[in-house]
PDB file of all heavy atoms in Angstrom:
ATOM      1  N   MET A   1      -1.503   2.927  11.375  1.00  0.00           N
ATOM      2  CA  MET A   1      -1.249   2.076  10.200  1.00  0.00           C
ATOM      3  C   MET A   1      -2.546   1.849   9.446  1.00  0.00           C
ATOM      4  O   MET A   1      -3.509   1.289   9.981  1.00  0.00           O
ATOM      5  CB  MET A   1      -0.628   0.757  10.631  1.00  0.00           C
ATOM      6  CG  MET A   1      -0.241  -0.141   9.472  1.00  0.00           C
ATOM      7  SD  MET A   1       0.870  -1.509   9.950  1.00  0.00           S
ATOM      8  CE  MET A   1      -0.188  -2.422  11.093  1.00  0.00           C
ATOM      9  N   SER A   2      -2.579   2.306   8.226  1.00  0.00           N
ATOM     10  CA  SER A   2      -3.797   2.180   7.415  1.00  0.00           C
ATOM     11  C   SER A   2      -3.923   0.752   6.858  1.00  0.00           C
ATOM     12  O   SER A   2      -2.951  -0.002   6.845  1.00  0.00           O
ATOM     13  CB  SER A   2      -3.750   3.178   6.252  1.00  0.00           C
ATOM     14  OG  SER A   2      -2.796   2.727   5.283  1.00  0.00           O
ATOM     15  N   PRO A   3      -5.115   0.386   6.385  1.00  0.00           N
ATOM     16  CA  PRO A   3      -5.286  -0.954   5.794  1.00  0.00           C
ATOM     17  C   PRO A   3      -4.297  -1.212   4.647  1.00  0.00           C
ATOM     18  O   PRO A   3      -3.741  -2.293   4.548  1.00  0.00           O
ATOM     19  CB  PRO A   3      -6.733  -0.939   5.305  1.00  0.00           C
ATOM     20  CG  PRO A   3      -7.422   0.061   6.158  1.00  0.00           C
ATOM     21  CD  PRO A   3      -6.403   1.101   6.477  1.00  0.00           C
ATOM     22  N   LYS A   4      -4.106  -0.198   3.792  1.00  0.00           N
ATOM     23  CA  LYS A   4      -3.181  -0.373   2.660  1.00  0.00           C
ATOM     24  C   LYS A   4      -1.737  -0.551   3.152  1.00  0.00           C
ATOM     25  O   LYS A   4      -1.014  -1.419   2.669  1.00  0.00           O
ATOM     26  CB  LYS A   4      -3.260   0.828   1.720  1.00  0.00           C
ATOM     27  CG  LYS A   4      -2.378   0.665   0.483  1.00  0.00           C
ATOM     28  CD  LYS A   4      -2.353   1.889  -0.396  1.00  0.00           C
ATOM     29  CE  LYS A   4      -1.587   1.650  -1.678  1.00  0.00           C
ATOM     30  NZ  LYS A   4      -0.229   1.113  -1.483  1.00  0.00           N
ATOM     31  N   GLU A   5      -1.340   0.290   4.119  1.00  0.00           N
ATOM     32  CA  GLU A   5       0.034   0.182   4.641  1.00  0.00           C
ATOM     33  C   GLU A   5       0.252  -1.174   5.303  1.00  0.00           C
ATOM     34  O   GLU A   5       1.318  -1.777   5.157  1.00  0.00           O
ATOM     35  CB  GLU A   5       0.285   1.312   5.659  1.00  0.00           C
ATOM     36  CG  GLU A   5       0.445   2.678   5.004  1.00  0.00           C
ATOM     37  CD  GLU A   5       0.297   3.823   5.984  1.00  0.00           C
ATOM     38  OE1 GLU A   5      -0.235   3.626   7.110  1.00  0.00           O
ATOM     39  OE2 GLU A   5       0.693   4.946   5.634  1.00  0.00           O
ATOM     40  N   ALA A   6      -0.744  -1.657   6.004  1.00  0.00           N
ATOM     41  CA  ALA A   6      -0.647  -2.993   6.651  1.00  0.00           C
ATOM     42  C   ALA A   6      -0.500  -4.078   5.606  1.00  0.00           C
ATOM     43  O   ALA A   6       0.371  -4.958   5.724  1.00  0.00           O
ATOM     44  CB  ALA A   6      -1.875  -3.259   7.512  1.00  0.00           C
ATOM     45  N   TYR A   7      -1.316  -4.024   4.587  1.00  0.00           N
ATOM     46  CA  TYR A   7      -1.285  -5.053   3.528  1.00  0.00           C
ATOM     47  C   TYR A   7       0.081  -5.060   2.844  1.00  0.00           C
ATOM     48  O   TYR A   7       0.690  -6.113   2.651  1.00  0.00           O
ATOM     49  CB  TYR A   7      -2.394  -4.779   2.487  1.00  0.00           C
ATOM     50  CG  TYR A   7      -2.510  -5.892   1.456  1.00  0.00           C
ATOM     51  CD1 TYR A   7      -3.360  -6.981   1.697  1.00  0.00           C
ATOM     52  CD2 TYR A   7      -1.771  -5.862   0.287  1.00  0.00           C
ATOM     53  CE1 TYR A   7      -3.460  -8.017   0.768  1.00  0.00           C
ATOM     54  CE2 TYR A   7      -1.855  -6.898  -0.634  1.00  0.00           C
ATOM     55  CZ  TYR A   7      -2.716  -7.963  -0.402  1.00  0.00           C
ATOM     56  OH  TYR A   7      -2.811  -8.990  -1.307  1.00  0.00           O
ATOM     57  N   ASP A   8       0.575  -3.863   2.502  1.00  0.00           N
ATOM     58  CA  ASP A   8       1.869  -3.778   1.801  1.00  0.00           C
ATOM     59  C   ASP A   8       3.031  -4.255   2.688  1.00  0.00           C
ATOM     60  O   ASP A   8       3.917  -4.968   2.234  1.00  0.00           O
ATOM     61  CB  ASP A   8       2.124  -2.321   1.356  1.00  0.00           C
ATOM     62  CG  ASP A   8       1.180  -1.880   0.255  1.00  0.00           C
ATOM     63  OD1 ASP A   8       0.504  -2.759  -0.335  1.00  0.00           O
ATOM     64  OD2 ASP A   8       1.089  -0.659  -0.007  1.00  0.00           O
ATOM     65  N   LEU A   9       3.021  -3.836   3.967  1.00  0.00           N
ATOM     66  CA  LEU A   9       4.118  -4.210   4.874  1.00  0.00           C
ATOM     67  C   LEU A   9       4.134  -5.700   5.159  1.00  0.00           C
ATOM     68  O   LEU A   9       5.198  -6.329   5.112  1.00  0.00           O
ATOM     69  CB  LEU A   9       3.998  -3.402   6.171  1.00  0.00           C
ATOM     70  CG  LEU A   9       5.038  -3.668   7.254  1.00  0.00           C
ATOM     71  CD1 LEU A   9       6.470  -3.484   6.702  1.00  0.00           C
ATOM     72  CD2 LEU A   9       4.831  -2.772   8.460  1.00  0.00           C
ATOM     73  N   ILE A  10       2.966  -6.262   5.451  1.00  0.00           N
ATOM     74  CA  ILE A  10       2.910  -7.694   5.753  1.00  0.00           C
ATOM     75  C   ILE A  10       3.280  -8.535   4.542  1.00  0.00           C
ATOM     76  O   ILE A  10       4.026  -9.514   4.641  1.00  0.00           O
ATOM     77  CB  ILE A  10       1.512  -8.086   6.316  1.00  0.00           C
ATOM     78  CG1 ILE A  10       1.326  -7.450   7.703  1.00  0.00           C
ATOM     79  CG2 ILE A  10       1.363  -9.608   6.424  1.00  0.00           C
ATOM     80  CD1 ILE A  10      -0.095  -7.302   8.151  1.00  0.00           C
ATOM     81  N   SER A  11       2.817  -8.097   3.380  1.00  0.00           N
ATOM     82  CA  SER A  11       3.185  -8.819   2.146  1.00  0.00           C
ATOM     83  C   SER A  11       4.690  -8.796   1.945  1.00  0.00           C
ATOM     84  O   SER A  11       5.299  -9.814   1.598  1.00  0.00           O
ATOM     85  CB  SER A  11       2.490  -8.160   0.942  1.00  0.00           C
ATOM     86  OG  SER A  11       1.083  -8.228   1.062  1.00  0.00           O
ATOM     87  N   ALA A  12       5.314  -7.629   2.195  1.00  0.00           N
ATOM     88  CA  ALA A  12       6.774  -7.494   2.030  1.00  0.00           C
ATOM     89  C   ALA A  12       7.525  -8.369   3.055  1.00  0.00           C
ATOM     90  O   ALA A  12       8.525  -9.011   2.720  1.00  0.00           O
ATOM     91  CB  ALA A  12       7.195  -6.025   2.171  1.00  0.00           C
ATOM     92  N   ILE A  13       7.025  -8.389   4.298  1.00  0.00           N
ATOM     93  CA  ILE A  13       7.660  -9.211   5.335  1.00  0.00           C
ATOM     94  C   ILE A  13       7.556 -10.689   4.984  1.00  0.00           C
ATOM     95  O   ILE A  13       8.503 -11.453   5.101  1.00  0.00           O
ATOM     96  CB  ILE A  13       7.049  -8.914   6.718  1.00  0.00           C
ATOM     97  CG1 ILE A  13       7.413  -7.511   7.187  1.00  0.00           C
ATOM     98  CG2 ILE A  13       7.518  -9.956   7.765  1.00  0.00           C
ATOM     99  CD1 ILE A  13       6.683  -7.067   8.433  1.00  0.00           C
ATOM    100  N   LYS A  14       6.361 -11.100   4.553  1.00  0.00           N
ATOM    101  CA  LYS A  14       6.143 -12.513   4.190  1.00  0.00           C
ATOM    102  C   LYS A  14       7.021 -12.955   3.006  1.00  0.00           C
ATOM    103  O   LYS A  14       7.441 -14.102   2.943  1.00  0.00           O
ATOM    104  CB  LYS A  14       4.647 -12.729   3.885  1.00  0.00           C
ATOM    105  CG  LYS A  14       3.743 -12.752   5.109  1.00  0.00           C
ATOM    106  CD  LYS A  14       3.914 -14.055   5.875  1.00  0.00           C
ATOM    107  CE  LYS A  14       2.963 -14.194   7.028  1.00  0.00           C
ATOM    108  NZ  LYS A  14       3.107 -15.475   7.722  1.00  0.00           N
ATOM    109  N   ASP A  15       7.268 -12.012   2.102  1.00  0.00           N
ATOM    110  CA  ASP A  15       8.152 -12.321   0.966  1.00  0.00           C
ATOM    111  C   ASP A  15       9.606 -12.455   1.420  1.00  0.00           C
ATOM    112  O   ASP A  15      10.393 -13.196   0.837  1.00  0.00           O
ATOM    113  CB  ASP A  15       8.070 -11.213  -0.091  1.00  0.00           C
ATOM    114  CG  ASP A  15       6.789 -11.304  -0.909  1.00  0.00           C
ATOM    115  OD1 ASP A  15       6.139 -12.358  -0.870  1.00  0.00           O
ATOM    116  OD2 ASP A  15       6.429 -10.291  -1.556  1.00  0.00           O
ATOM    117  N   ALA A  16       9.962 -11.715   2.499  1.00  0.00           N
ATOM    118  CA  ALA A  16      11.349 -11.650   2.921  1.00  0.00           C
ATOM    119  C   ALA A  16      11.761 -12.750   3.891  1.00  0.00           C
ATOM    120  O   ALA A  16      12.886 -13.239   3.833  1.00  0.00           O
ATOM    121  CB  ALA A  16      11.626 -10.288   3.573  1.00  0.00           C
ATOM    122  N   VAL A  17      10.853 -13.121   4.811  1.00  0.00           N
ATOM    123  CA  VAL A  17      11.200 -14.130   5.815  1.00  0.00           C
ATOM    124  C   VAL A  17      10.054 -15.115   6.011  1.00  0.00           C
ATOM    125  O   VAL A  17       8.892 -14.782   5.860  1.00  0.00           O
ATOM    126  CB  VAL A  17      11.551 -13.494   7.205  1.00  0.00           C
ATOM    127  CG1 VAL A  17      12.773 -12.625   7.114  1.00  0.00           C
ATOM    128  CG2 VAL A  17      10.363 -12.712   7.754  1.00  0.00           C
ATOM    129  N   ASP A  18      10.403 -16.317   6.405  1.00  0.00           N
ATOM    130  CA  ASP A  18       9.387 -17.347   6.661  1.00  0.00           C
ATOM    131  C   ASP A  18       9.122 -17.426   8.151  1.00  0.00           C
ATOM    132  O   ASP A  18       9.555 -18.365   8.846  1.00  0.00           O
ATOM    133  CB  ASP A  18       9.883 -18.693   6.115  1.00  0.00           C
ATOM    134  CG  ASP A  18       8.846 -19.790   6.289  1.00  0.00           C
ATOM    135  OD1 ASP A  18       7.661 -19.449   6.407  1.00  0.00           O
ATOM    136  OD2 ASP A  18       9.238 -20.979   6.325  1.00  0.00           O
ATOM    137  N   LEU A  19       8.461 -16.400   8.688  1.00  0.00           N
ATOM    138  CA  LEU A  19       8.134 -16.351  10.117  1.00  0.00           C
ATOM    139  C   LEU A  19       6.700 -15.900  10.278  1.00  0.00           C
ATOM    140  O   LEU A  19       6.183 -15.109   9.488  1.00  0.00           O
ATOM    141  CB  LEU A  19       9.058 -15.348  10.833  1.00  0.00           C
ATOM    142  CG  LEU A  19      10.534 -15.715  11.049  1.00  0.00           C
ATOM    143  CD1 LEU A  19      11.260 -14.533  11.687  1.00  0.00           C
ATOM    144  CD2 LEU A  19      10.676 -16.951  11.910  1.00  0.00           C
ATOM    145  N   PRO A  20       6.010 -16.375  11.334  1.00  0.00           N
ATOM    146  CA  PRO A  20       4.669 -15.884  11.619  1.00  0.00           C
ATOM    147  C   PRO A  20       4.691 -14.377  11.898  1.00  0.00           C
ATOM    148  O   PRO A  20       5.642 -13.876  12.528  1.00  0.00           O
ATOM    149  CB  PRO A  20       4.238 -16.660  12.855  1.00  0.00           C
ATOM    150  CG  PRO A  20       5.144 -17.856  12.892  1.00  0.00           C
ATOM    151  CD  PRO A  20       6.423 -17.422  12.280  1.00  0.00           C
ATOM    152  N   VAL A  21       3.665 -13.670  11.454  1.00  0.00           N
ATOM    153  CA  VAL A  21       3.567 -12.231  11.671  1.00  0.00           C
ATOM    154  C   VAL A  21       2.371 -11.948  12.623  1.00  0.00           C
ATOM    155  O   VAL A  21       1.257 -12.423  12.400  1.00  0.00           O
ATOM    156  CB  VAL A  21       3.393 -11.466  10.355  1.00  0.00           C
ATOM    157  CG1 VAL A  21       3.110  -9.976  10.599  1.00  0.00           C
ATOM    158  CG2 VAL A  21       4.608 -11.631   9.472  1.00  0.00           C
ATOM    159  N   VAL A  22       2.682 -11.171  13.660  1.00  0.00           N
ATOM    160  CA  VAL A  22       1.671 -10.748  14.638  1.00  0.00           C
ATOM    161  C   VAL A  22       1.423  -9.261  14.428  1.00  0.00           C
ATOM    162  O   VAL A  22       2.360  -8.487  14.203  1.00  0.00           O
ATOM    163  CB  VAL A  22       2.194 -10.966  16.072  1.00  0.00           C
ATOM    164  CG1 VAL A  22       1.130 -10.599  17.102  1.00  0.00           C
ATOM    165  CG2 VAL A  22       2.663 -12.398  16.274  1.00  0.00           C
ATOM    166  N   VAL A  23       0.142  -8.824  14.462  1.00  0.00           N
ATOM    167  CA  VAL A  23      -0.150  -7.412  14.282  1.00  0.00           C
ATOM    168  C   VAL A  23      -0.823  -6.846  15.523  1.00  0.00           C
ATOM    169  O   VAL A  23      -1.781  -7.428  16.047  1.00  0.00           O
ATOM    170  CB  VAL A  23      -1.042  -7.179  13.029  1.00  0.00           C
ATOM    171  CG1 VAL A  23      -1.194  -5.686  12.769  1.00  0.00           C
ATOM    172  CG2 VAL A  23      -0.448  -7.851  11.815  1.00  0.00           C
ATOM    173  N   HIS A  24      -0.294  -5.708  15.963  1.00  0.00           N
ATOM    174  CA  HIS A  24      -0.823  -5.019  17.133  1.00  0.00           C
ATOM    175  C   HIS A  24      -1.171  -3.594  16.727  1.00  0.00           C
ATOM    176  O   HIS A  24      -0.337  -2.883  16.177  1.00  0.00           O
ATOM    177  CB  HIS A  24       0.253  -4.998  18.243  1.00  0.00           C
ATOM    178  CG  HIS A  24      -0.089  -4.127  19.410  1.00  0.00           C
ATOM    179  ND1 HIS A  24      -0.708  -4.620  20.538  1.00  0.00           N
ATOM    180  CD2 HIS A  24       0.071  -2.796  19.626  1.00  0.00           C
ATOM    181  CE1 HIS A  24      -0.877  -3.625  21.416  1.00  0.00           C
ATOM    182  NE2 HIS A  24      -0.420  -2.509  20.879  1.00  0.00           N
ATOM    183  N   THR A  25      -2.409  -3.171  17.022  1.00  0.00           N
ATOM    184  CA  THR A  25      -2.773  -1.789  16.737  1.00  0.00           C
ATOM    185  C   THR A  25      -3.768  -1.319  17.786  1.00  0.00           C
ATOM    186  O   THR A  25      -4.130  -2.049  18.713  1.00  0.00           O
ATOM    187  CB  THR A  25      -3.335  -1.623  15.309  1.00  0.00           C
ATOM    188  OG1 THR A  25      -3.453  -0.227  15.013  1.00  0.00           O
ATOM    189  CG2 THR A  25      -4.698  -2.287  15.144  1.00  0.00           C
ATOM    190  N   HIS A  26      -4.188  -0.055  17.670  1.00  0.00           N
ATOM    191  CA  HIS A  26      -5.163   0.552  18.588  1.00  0.00           C
ATOM    192  C   HIS A  26      -6.279   1.198  17.777  1.00  0.00           C
ATOM    193  O   HIS A  26      -6.077   1.574  16.630  1.00  0.00           O
ATOM    194  CB  HIS A  26      -4.473   1.621  19.461  1.00  0.00           C
ATOM    195  CG  HIS A  26      -3.477   1.051  20.428  1.00  0.00           C
ATOM    196  ND1 HIS A  26      -3.671   1.036  21.785  1.00  0.00           N
ATOM    197  CD2 HIS A  26      -2.261   0.479  20.230  1.00  0.00           C
ATOM    198  CE1 HIS A  26      -2.617   0.479  22.388  1.00  0.00           C
ATOM    199  NE2 HIS A  26      -1.742   0.129  21.455  1.00  0.00           N
ATOM    200  N   CYS A  27      -7.425   1.374  18.409  1.00  0.00           N
ATOM    201  CA  CYS A  27      -8.598   1.945  17.713  1.00  0.00           C
ATOM    202  C   CYS A  27      -8.575   3.481  17.681  1.00  0.00           C
ATOM    203  O   CYS A  27      -9.521   4.089  17.188  1.00  0.00           O
ATOM    204  CB  CYS A  27      -9.892   1.480  18.392  1.00  0.00           C
ATOM    205  SG  CYS A  27     -10.191  -0.293  18.229  1.00  0.00           S
ATOM    206  N   THR A  28      -7.539   4.081  18.198  1.00  0.00           N
ATOM    207  CA  THR A  28      -7.474   5.541  18.395  1.00  0.00           C
ATOM    208  C   THR A  28      -7.973   6.335  17.183  1.00  0.00           C
ATOM    209  O   THR A  28      -8.743   7.279  17.344  1.00  0.00           O
ATOM    210  CB  THR A  28      -6.007   5.946  18.712  1.00  0.00           C
ATOM    211  OG1 THR A  28      -5.441   5.001  19.599  1.00  0.00           O
ATOM    212  CG2 THR A  28      -5.963   7.320  19.313  1.00  0.00           C
ATOM    213  N   THR A  29      -7.533   5.968  15.991  1.00  0.00           N
ATOM    214  CA  THR A  29      -7.870   6.756  14.798  1.00  0.00           C
ATOM    215  C   THR A  29      -9.079   6.216  14.043  1.00  0.00           C
ATOM    216  O   THR A  29      -9.490   6.824  13.041  1.00  0.00           O
ATOM    217  CB  THR A  29      -6.671   6.786  13.830  1.00  0.00           C
ATOM    218  OG1 THR A  29      -6.392   5.430  13.456  1.00  0.00           O
ATOM    219  CG2 THR A  29      -5.454   7.413  14.465  1.00  0.00           C
ATOM    220  N   GLY A  30      -9.600   5.068  14.460  1.00  0.00           N
ATOM    221  CA  GLY A  30     -10.748   4.494  13.749  1.00  0.00           C
ATOM    222  C   GLY A  30     -10.364   3.532  12.648  1.00  0.00           C
ATOM    223  O   GLY A  30     -11.242   3.024  11.943  1.00  0.00           O
ATOM    224  N   LEU A  31      -9.064   3.277  12.467  1.00  0.00           N
ATOM    225  CA  LEU A  31      -8.618   2.423  11.347  1.00  0.00           C
ATOM    226  C   LEU A  31      -8.550   0.934  11.695  1.00  0.00           C
ATOM    227  O   LEU A  31      -8.512   0.084  10.813  1.00  0.00           O
ATOM    228  CB  LEU A  31      -7.211   2.843  10.917  1.00  0.00           C
ATOM    229  CG  LEU A  31      -7.044   4.217  10.233  1.00  0.00           C
ATOM    230  CD1 LEU A  31      -5.562   4.530  10.080  1.00  0.00           C
ATOM    231  CD2 LEU A  31      -7.720   4.221   8.873  1.00  0.00           C
ATOM    232  N   ALA A  32      -8.500   0.606  12.988  1.00  0.00           N
ATOM    233  CA  ALA A  32      -8.039  -0.730  13.423  1.00  0.00           C
ATOM    234  C   ALA A  32      -8.776  -1.916  12.828  1.00  0.00           C
ATOM    235  O   ALA A  32      -8.139  -2.891  12.390  1.00  0.00           O
ATOM    236  CB  ALA A  32      -8.058  -0.786  14.940  1.00  0.00           C
ATOM    237  N   PHE A  33     -10.103  -1.901  12.813  1.00  0.00           N
ATOM    238  CA  PHE A  33     -10.841  -3.056  12.294  1.00  0.00           C
ATOM    239  C   PHE A  33     -10.493  -3.307  10.832  1.00  0.00           C
ATOM    240  O   PHE A  33     -10.262  -4.449  10.415  1.00  0.00           O
ATOM    241  CB  PHE A  33     -12.355  -2.859  12.451  1.00  0.00           C
ATOM    242  CG  PHE A  33     -12.863  -3.042  13.846  1.00  0.00           C
ATOM    243  CD1 PHE A  33     -13.034  -1.964  14.700  1.00  0.00           C
ATOM    244  CD2 PHE A  33     -13.153  -4.327  14.335  1.00  0.00           C
ATOM    245  CE1 PHE A  33     -13.506  -2.139  15.996  1.00  0.00           C
ATOM    246  CE2 PHE A  33     -13.604  -4.497  15.632  1.00  0.00           C
ATOM    247  CZ  PHE A  33     -13.782  -3.413  16.461  1.00  0.00           C
ATOM    248  N   MET A  34     -10.440  -2.220  10.035  1.00  0.00           N
ATOM    249  CA  MET A  34     -10.129  -2.352   8.606  1.00  0.00           C
ATOM    250  C   MET A  34      -8.670  -2.819   8.433  1.00  0.00           C
ATOM    251  O   MET A  34      -8.368  -3.651   7.571  1.00  0.00           O
ATOM    252  CB  MET A  34     -10.346  -1.035   7.900  1.00  0.00           C
ATOM    253  CG  MET A  34     -11.783  -0.560   7.892  1.00  0.00           C
ATOM    254  SD  MET A  34     -11.998   1.046   7.076  1.00  0.00           S
ATOM    255  CE  MET A  34     -11.324   2.165   8.319  1.00  0.00           C
ATOM    256  N   THR A  35      -7.799  -2.288   9.270  1.00  0.00           N
ATOM    257  CA  THR A  35      -6.386  -2.655   9.207  1.00  0.00           C
ATOM    258  C   THR A  35      -6.194  -4.135   9.480  1.00  0.00           C
ATOM    259  O   THR A  35      -5.413  -4.829   8.802  1.00  0.00           O
ATOM    260  CB  THR A  35      -5.556  -1.802  10.190  1.00  0.00           C
ATOM    261  OG1 THR A  35      -5.609  -0.431   9.767  1.00  0.00           O
ATOM    262  CG2 THR A  35      -4.117  -2.251  10.265  1.00  0.00           C
ATOM    263  N   TYR A  36      -6.933  -4.675  10.477  1.00  0.00           N
ATOM    264  CA  TYR A  36      -6.832  -6.101  10.775  1.00  0.00           C
ATOM    265  C   TYR A  36      -7.362  -6.948   9.627  1.00  0.00           C
ATOM    266  O   TYR A  36      -6.803  -8.013   9.316  1.00  0.00           O
ATOM    267  CB  TYR A  36      -7.575  -6.424  12.072  1.00  0.00           C
ATOM    268  CG  TYR A  36      -6.751  -6.223  13.334  1.00  0.00           C
ATOM    269  CD1 TYR A  36      -7.364  -6.090  14.566  1.00  0.00           C
ATOM    270  CD2 TYR A  36      -5.360  -6.185  13.302  1.00  0.00           C
ATOM    271  CE1 TYR A  36      -6.624  -5.916  15.741  1.00  0.00           C
ATOM    272  CE2 TYR A  36      -4.619  -6.003  14.445  1.00  0.00           C
ATOM    273  CZ  TYR A  36      -5.252  -5.859  15.665  1.00  0.00           C
ATOM    274  OH  TYR A  36      -4.509  -5.684  16.802  1.00  0.00           O
ATOM    275  N   MET A  37      -8.429  -6.511   8.992  1.00  0.00           N
ATOM    276  CA  MET A  37      -8.982  -7.276   7.863  1.00  0.00           C
ATOM    277  C   MET A  37      -7.939  -7.412   6.742  1.00  0.00           C
ATOM    278  O   MET A  37      -7.702  -8.504   6.242  1.00  0.00           O
ATOM    279  CB  MET A  37     -10.233  -6.559   7.299  1.00  0.00           C
ATOM    280  CG  MET A  37     -11.456  -6.631   8.193  1.00  0.00           C
ATOM    281  SD  MET A  37     -12.099  -8.305   8.409  1.00  0.00           S
ATOM    282  CE  MET A  37     -12.700  -8.659   6.757  1.00  0.00           C
ATOM    283  N   LYS A  38      -7.302  -6.290   6.401  1.00  0.00           N
ATOM    284  CA  LYS A  38      -6.304  -6.342   5.326  1.00  0.00           C
ATOM    285  C   LYS A  38      -5.017  -7.050   5.773  1.00  0.00           C
ATOM    286  O   LYS A  38      -4.327  -7.660   4.971  1.00  0.00           O
ATOM    287  CB  LYS A  38      -5.994  -4.914   4.826  1.00  0.00           C
ATOM    288  CG  LYS A  38      -7.143  -4.229   4.126  1.00  0.00           C
ATOM    289  CD  LYS A  38      -7.679  -5.001   2.928  1.00  0.00           C
ATOM    290  CE  LYS A  38      -6.776  -4.915   1.720  1.00  0.00           C
ATOM    291  NZ  LYS A  38      -7.358  -5.565   0.522  1.00  0.00           N
ATOM    292  N   SER A  39      -4.718  -6.960   7.079  1.00  0.00           N
ATOM    293  CA  SER A  39      -3.535  -7.651   7.597  1.00  0.00           C
ATOM    294  C   SER A  39      -3.666  -9.160   7.424  1.00  0.00           C
ATOM    295  O   SER A  39      -2.744  -9.837   6.958  1.00  0.00           O
ATOM    296  CB  SER A  39      -3.361  -7.341   9.098  1.00  0.00           C
ATOM    297  OG  SER A  39      -3.095  -5.991   9.317  1.00  0.00           O
ATOM    298  N   VAL A  40      -4.828  -9.680   7.814  1.00  0.00           N
ATOM    299  CA  VAL A  40      -5.058 -11.132   7.710  1.00  0.00           C
ATOM    300  C   VAL A  40      -5.115 -11.548   6.250  1.00  0.00           C
ATOM    301  O   VAL A  40      -4.594 -12.608   5.870  1.00  0.00           O
ATOM    302  CB  VAL A  40      -6.349 -11.509   8.490  1.00  0.00           C
ATOM    303  CG1 VAL A  40      -6.725 -12.978   8.225  1.00  0.00           C
ATOM    304  CG2 VAL A  40      -6.171 -11.261   9.988  1.00  0.00           C
ATOM    305  N   GLU A  41      -5.704 -10.711   5.421  1.00  0.00           N
ATOM    306  CA  GLU A  41      -5.767 -10.980   3.983  1.00  0.00           C
ATOM    307  C   GLU A  41      -4.342 -11.090   3.399  1.00  0.00           C
ATOM    308  O   GLU A  41      -4.093 -11.903   2.502  1.00  0.00           O
ATOM    309  CB  GLU A  41      -6.515  -9.827   3.292  1.00  0.00           C
ATOM    310  CG  GLU A  41      -6.955 -10.133   1.875  1.00  0.00           C
ATOM    311  CD  GLU A  41      -7.697  -8.937   1.258  1.00  0.00           C
ATOM    312  OE1 GLU A  41      -8.674  -8.449   1.884  1.00  0.00           O
ATOM    313  OE2 GLU A  41      -7.275  -8.509   0.187  1.00  0.00           O
ATOM    314  N   ALA A  42      -3.407 -10.304   3.952  1.00  0.00           N
ATOM    315  CA  ALA A  42      -2.036 -10.308   3.468  1.00  0.00           C
ATOM    316  C   ALA A  42      -1.207 -11.445   4.059  1.00  0.00           C
ATOM    317  O   ALA A  42      -0.058 -11.657   3.659  1.00  0.00           O
ATOM    318  CB  ALA A  42      -1.365  -8.979   3.792  1.00  0.00           C
ATOM    319  N   GLY A  43      -1.794 -12.163   5.038  1.00  0.00           N
ATOM    320  CA  GLY A  43      -1.087 -13.333   5.595  1.00  0.00           C
ATOM    321  C   GLY A  43      -0.702 -13.230   7.050  1.00  0.00           C
ATOM    322  O   GLY A  43       0.044 -14.076   7.546  1.00  0.00           O
TER     323      GLY A  43
END
């Protein structure tokens, strides 16, 4: 999951339901730190 995909998905989920969102990823591809930054930015 790329930073952009995370931001878009979390934003869409937050617009759709009023529930806390938890994000789980792995460092396998090198994306994880950036993905978490954009995830938190998206809520």
